[in-house]
Amino acid sequence: MKTIKQLSSLAFIGLLGLTTFSCLDDDNQDHTTKYLETMLVDIKQDSIKPVGEITKLNITYRHNNTCETFQGFANVGINYDTIYIAAIAKETLSNDCKSSTSTKTDVLEITPKKEGDFYLKFWTGTDSNGKNVFKIEKKLTFKNKVQ
């Protein structure tokens, strides 16, 4: 049963990877890639679609300066039925950057391939030891289409 759950999670992650940015061009040295702090994940229960259909999640994240550009969402880890997600930004390395806190909301689209429960954890910062912290957790239950 554990293997089936892992395979279901991997299928879900594969699909999540197709609908998000998982790789960024880091060949250019005039910028760096970083995570943006997730502030809010808004999921309305009636917006959770059946297996094979797109479910849209509204994700609010925080920018800390004027040189950050949102790039997308990325799967940054998996542990059985738990998927770790981060909002990704490209930060231009420039002396013209101004400290400015703002929030923005974008849509993360998920199209599950299998039914079941999945847990999404969103990056919310780092702890005092510099370890990534994923404090926002949402449980999604996907069911097969009713015929």
C-alpha atoms as a PDB file:
ATOM      1  CA  MET A   1       0.000   0.000   0.000  1.00  0.00           C
ATOM      2  CA  LYS A   2       2.895   2.329   0.815  1.00  0.00           C
ATOM      3  CA  THR A   3       4.336   1.783  -2.682  1.00  0.00           C
ATOM      4  CA  ILE A   4       0.992   2.588  -4.334  1.00  0.00           C
ATOM      5  CA  LYS A   5       0.721   5.796  -2.323  1.00  0.00           C
ATOM      6  CA  GLN A   6       4.281   6.761  -3.340  1.00  0.00           C
ATOM      7  CA  LEU A   7       3.519   6.074  -7.011  1.00  0.00           C
ATOM      8  CA  SER A   8       0.334   8.130  -6.783  1.00  0.00           C
ATOM      9  CA  SER A   9       2.302  10.970  -5.240  1.00  0.00           C
ATOM     10  CA  LEU A  10       4.940  10.750  -7.945  1.00  0.00           C
ATOM     11  CA  ALA A  11       2.285  10.876 -10.670  1.00  0.00           C
ATOM     12  CA  PHE A  12       0.781  13.922  -8.987  1.00  0.00           C
ATOM     13  CA  ILE A  13       4.202  15.566  -8.673  1.00  0.00           C
ATOM     14  CA  GLY A  14       4.983  14.863 -12.298  1.00  0.00           C
ATOM     15  CA  LEU A  15       1.847  16.683 -13.266  1.00  0.00           C
ATOM     16  CA  LEU A  16       2.576  19.528 -10.867  1.00  0.00           C
ATOM     17  CA  GLY A  17       5.985  19.861 -12.475  1.00  0.00           C
ATOM     18  CA  LEU A  18       4.410  20.186 -15.907  1.00  0.00           C
ATOM     19  CA  THR A  19       2.182  23.042 -14.763  1.00  0.00           C
ATOM     20  CA  THR A  20       4.892  24.993 -12.939  1.00  0.00           C
ATOM     21  CA  PHE A  21       8.405  26.208 -13.484  1.00  0.00           C
ATOM     22  CA  SER A  22      10.821  23.724 -12.021  1.00  0.00           C
ATOM     23  CA  CYS A  23      14.011  24.855 -13.742  1.00  0.00           C
ATOM     24  CA  LEU A  24      15.289  28.348 -14.200  1.00  0.00           C
ATOM     25  CA  ASP A  25      18.128  29.620 -16.394  1.00  0.00           C
ATOM     26  CA  ASP A  26      20.981  30.218 -13.979  1.00  0.00           C
ATOM     27  CA  ASP A  27      23.688  30.663 -16.645  1.00  0.00           C
ATOM     28  CA  ASN A  28      23.371  34.434 -16.431  1.00  0.00           C
ATOM     29  CA  GLN A  29      25.342  35.902 -13.523  1.00  0.00           C
ATOM     30  CA  ASP A  30      23.418  39.195 -13.315  1.00  0.00           C
ATOM     31  CA  HIS A  31      20.701  37.619 -11.178  1.00  0.00           C
ATOM     32  CA  THR A  32      20.039  35.050  -8.504  1.00  0.00           C
ATOM     33  CA  THR A  33      17.116  32.698  -7.956  1.00  0.00           C
ATOM     34  CA  LYS A  34      15.328  32.715  -4.615  1.00  0.00           C
ATOM     35  CA  TYR A  35      12.156  31.617  -2.851  1.00  0.00           C
ATOM     36  CA  LEU A  36       9.402  34.096  -2.050  1.00  0.00           C
ATOM     37  CA  GLU A  37       7.611  33.790   1.293  1.00  0.00           C
ATOM     38  CA  THR A  38       4.124  32.318   0.947  1.00  0.00           C
ATOM     39  CA  MET A  39       1.645  34.391   2.911  1.00  0.00           C
ATOM     40  CA  LEU A  40      -1.698  32.752   2.084  1.00  0.00           C
ATOM     41  CA  VAL A  41      -3.076  29.775   0.171  1.00  0.00           C
ATOM     42  CA  ASP A  42      -6.728  30.186  -0.772  1.00  0.00           C
ATOM     43  CA  ILE A  43      -8.522  26.987  -1.766  1.00  0.00           C
ATOM     44  CA  LYS A  44     -12.274  26.931  -1.986  1.00  0.00           C
ATOM     45  CA  GLN A  45     -13.581  23.393  -1.483  1.00  0.00           C
ATOM     46  CA  ASP A  46     -15.962  23.723  -4.436  1.00  0.00           C
ATOM     47  CA  SER A  47     -13.005  24.635  -6.680  1.00  0.00           C
ATOM     48  CA  ILE A  48     -11.361  21.218  -6.173  1.00  0.00           C
ATOM     49  CA  LYS A  49     -12.031  19.403  -9.432  1.00  0.00           C
ATOM     50  CA  PRO A  50     -12.116  15.653 -10.106  1.00  0.00           C
ATOM     51  CA  VAL A  51      -9.144  13.644 -11.299  1.00  0.00           C
ATOM     52  CA  GLY A  52      -8.032  14.783 -14.760  1.00  0.00           C
ATOM     53  CA  GLU A  53      -9.391  18.332 -14.416  1.00  0.00           C
ATOM     54  CA  ILE A  54      -7.554  21.519 -13.444  1.00  0.00           C
ATOM     55  CA  THR A  55      -7.829  22.706  -9.850  1.00  0.00           C
ATOM     56  CA  LYS A  56      -6.747  26.315  -9.320  1.00  0.00           C
ATOM     57  CA  LEU A  57      -5.164  27.483  -6.074  1.00  0.00           C
ATOM     58  CA  ASN A  58      -4.660  31.176  -5.282  1.00  0.00           C
ATOM     59  CA  ILE A  59      -1.226  31.632  -3.729  1.00  0.00           C
ATOM     60  CA  THR A  60      -0.250  34.953  -2.146  1.00  0.00           C
ATOM     61  CA  TYR A  61       3.468  35.579  -1.679  1.00  0.00           C
ATOM     62  CA  ARG A  62       5.663  38.481  -0.595  1.00  0.00           C
ATOM     63  CA  HIS A  63       8.253  40.457  -2.546  1.00  0.00           C
ATOM     64  CA  ASN A  64      10.961  42.206  -0.493  1.00  0.00           C
ATOM     65  CA  ASN A  65      12.492  44.529  -3.092  1.00  0.00           C
ATOM     66  CA  THR A  66      11.922  46.062  -6.512  1.00  0.00           C
ATOM     67  CA  CYS A  67      14.369  43.715  -8.273  1.00  0.00           C
ATOM     68  CA  GLU A  68      12.438  40.479  -7.646  1.00  0.00           C
ATOM     69  CA  THR A  69      10.457  39.048 -10.550  1.00  0.00           C
ATOM     70  CA  PHE A  70       8.062  36.144  -9.982  1.00  0.00           C
ATOM     71  CA  GLN A  71       8.975  33.129 -12.133  1.00  0.00           C
ATOM     72  CA  GLY A  72       6.421  30.507 -11.078  1.00  0.00           C
ATOM     73  CA  PHE A  73       5.911  27.748  -8.545  1.00  0.00           C
ATOM     74  CA  ALA A  74       8.213  24.785  -8.076  1.00  0.00           C
ATOM     75  CA  ASN A  75       8.021  21.406  -6.423  1.00  0.00           C
ATOM     76  CA  VAL A  76      10.996  21.568  -4.068  1.00  0.00           C
ATOM     77  CA  GLY A  77      10.489  18.203  -2.368  1.00  0.00           C
ATOM     78  CA  ILE A  78       8.261  15.200  -1.829  1.00  0.00           C
ATOM     79  CA  ASN A  79       7.704  12.856   1.080  1.00  0.00           C
ATOM     80  CA  TYR A  80       5.100  10.157   0.340  1.00  0.00           C
ATOM     81  CA  ASP A  81       1.809  12.080  -0.029  1.00  0.00           C
ATOM     82  CA  THR A  82       3.266  15.474   0.949  1.00  0.00           C
ATOM     83  CA  ILE A  83       4.482  17.895  -1.699  1.00  0.00           C
ATOM     84  CA  TYR A  84       6.654  20.891  -0.796  1.00  0.00           C
ATOM     85  CA  ILE A  85       6.077  23.970  -2.965  1.00  0.00           C
ATOM     86  CA  ALA A  86       7.822  27.341  -3.230  1.00  0.00           C
ATOM     87  CA  ALA A  87       7.135  30.517  -5.170  1.00  0.00           C
ATOM     88  CA  ILE A  88      10.278  31.249  -7.175  1.00  0.00           C
ATOM     89  CA  ALA A  89      11.690  34.657  -8.086  1.00  0.00           C
ATOM     90  CA  LYS A  90      14.589  35.920 -10.131  1.00  0.00           C
ATOM     91  CA  GLU A  91      16.346  38.769  -8.335  1.00  0.00           C
ATOM     92  CA  THR A  92      18.398  41.080 -10.515  1.00  0.00           C
ATOM     93  CA  LEU A  93      21.729  41.970  -8.936  1.00  0.00           C
ATOM     94  CA  SER A  94      21.733  45.733  -9.126  1.00  0.00           C
ATOM     95  CA  ASN A  95      22.464  48.746  -6.979  1.00  0.00           C
ATOM     96  CA  ASP A  96      19.156  50.195  -8.182  1.00  0.00           C
ATOM     97  CA  CYS A  97      17.076  47.741  -6.092  1.00  0.00           C
ATOM     98  CA  LYS A  98      14.919  49.414  -3.500  1.00  0.00           C
ATOM     99  CA  SER A  99      13.652  47.757  -0.346  1.00  0.00           C
ATOM    100  CA  SER A 100       9.910  47.457  -0.826  1.00  0.00           C
ATOM    101  CA  THR A 101       7.538  44.951   0.711  1.00  0.00           C
ATOM    102  CA  SER A 102       4.536  43.998  -1.405  1.00  0.00           C
ATOM    103  CA  THR A 103       2.282  40.990  -1.850  1.00  0.00           C
ATOM    104  CA  LYS A 104       0.970  39.452  -5.026  1.00  0.00           C
ATOM    105  CA  THR A 105      -1.373  36.563  -5.761  1.00  0.00           C
ATOM    106  CA  ASP A 106      -0.898  34.107  -8.616  1.00  0.00           C
ATOM    107  CA  VAL A 107      -2.674  30.909  -9.576  1.00  0.00           C
ATOM    108  CA  LEU A 108      -1.108  27.476  -9.188  1.00  0.00           C
ATOM    109  CA  GLU A 109      -2.860  24.959 -11.449  1.00  0.00           C
ATOM    110  CA  ILE A 110      -2.893  21.290 -10.484  1.00  0.00           C
ATOM    111  CA  THR A 111      -4.304  18.454 -12.589  1.00  0.00           C
ATOM    112  CA  PRO A 112      -4.181  15.194 -10.589  1.00  0.00           C
ATOM    113  CA  LYS A 113      -3.874  11.859 -12.367  1.00  0.00           C
ATOM    114  CA  LYS A 114      -5.048   9.691  -9.439  1.00  0.00           C
ATOM    115  CA  GLU A 115      -7.653  10.017  -6.725  1.00  0.00           C
ATOM    116  CA  GLY A 116      -6.655  10.340  -3.103  1.00  0.00           C
ATOM    117  CA  ASP A 117      -5.488  12.726  -0.414  1.00  0.00           C
ATOM    118  CA  PHE A 118      -2.484  14.961  -1.027  1.00  0.00           C
ATOM    119  CA  TYR A 119      -0.852  17.419   1.338  1.00  0.00           C
ATOM    120  CA  LEU A 120       0.717  20.587  -0.011  1.00  0.00           C
ATOM    121  CA  LYS A 121       3.206  22.473   2.164  1.00  0.00           C
ATOM    122  CA  PHE A 122       4.290  25.951   1.154  1.00  0.00           C
ATOM    123  CA  TRP A 123       7.619  27.635   1.872  1.00  0.00           C
ATOM    124  CA  THR A 124       7.238  30.381   4.485  1.00  0.00           C
ATOM    125  CA  GLY A 125      10.848  31.268   5.240  1.00  0.00           C
ATOM    126  CA  THR A 126      13.802  29.910   7.156  1.00  0.00           C
ATOM    127  CA  ASP A 127      14.325  29.230  10.838  1.00  0.00           C
ATOM    128  CA  SER A 128      17.144  30.624  12.999  1.00  0.00           C
ATOM    129  CA  ASN A 129      19.466  27.886  11.681  1.00  0.00           C
ATOM    130  CA  GLY A 130      18.764  28.765   8.046  1.00  0.00           C
ATOM    131  CA  LYS A 131      16.635  25.638   7.499  1.00  0.00           C
ATOM    132  CA  ASN A 132      13.671  25.931   5.129  1.00  0.00           C
ATOM    133  CA  VAL A 133      10.295  26.134   6.868  1.00  0.00           C
ATOM    134  CA  PHE A 134       6.963  25.111   5.309  1.00  0.00           C
ATOM    135  CA  LYS A 135       4.329  26.330   7.788  1.00  0.00           C
ATOM    136  CA  ILE A 136       1.311  26.537   5.488  1.00  0.00           C
ATOM    137  CA  GLU A 137      -0.182  23.096   4.857  1.00  0.00           C
ATOM    138  CA  LYS A 138      -3.286  22.281   2.818  1.00  0.00           C
ATOM    139  CA  LYS A 139      -4.952  18.917   2.323  1.00  0.00           C
ATOM    140  CA  LEU A 140      -6.563  18.259  -1.057  1.00  0.00           C
ATOM    141  CA  THR A 141      -8.786  15.270  -1.707  1.00  0.00           C
ATOM    142  CA  PHE A 142      -9.211  14.383  -5.361  1.00  0.00           C
ATOM    143  CA  LYS A 143     -11.971  12.036  -6.467  1.00  0.00           C
ATOM    144  CA  ASN A 144     -12.738  10.365  -9.756  1.00  0.00           C
ATOM    145  CA  LYS A 145     -15.364  11.973 -11.985  1.00  0.00           C
ATOM    146  CA  VAL A 146     -18.910  10.971 -11.239  1.00  0.00           C
ATOM    147  CA  GLN A 147     -20.346   9.287 -14.326  1.00  0.00           C
END
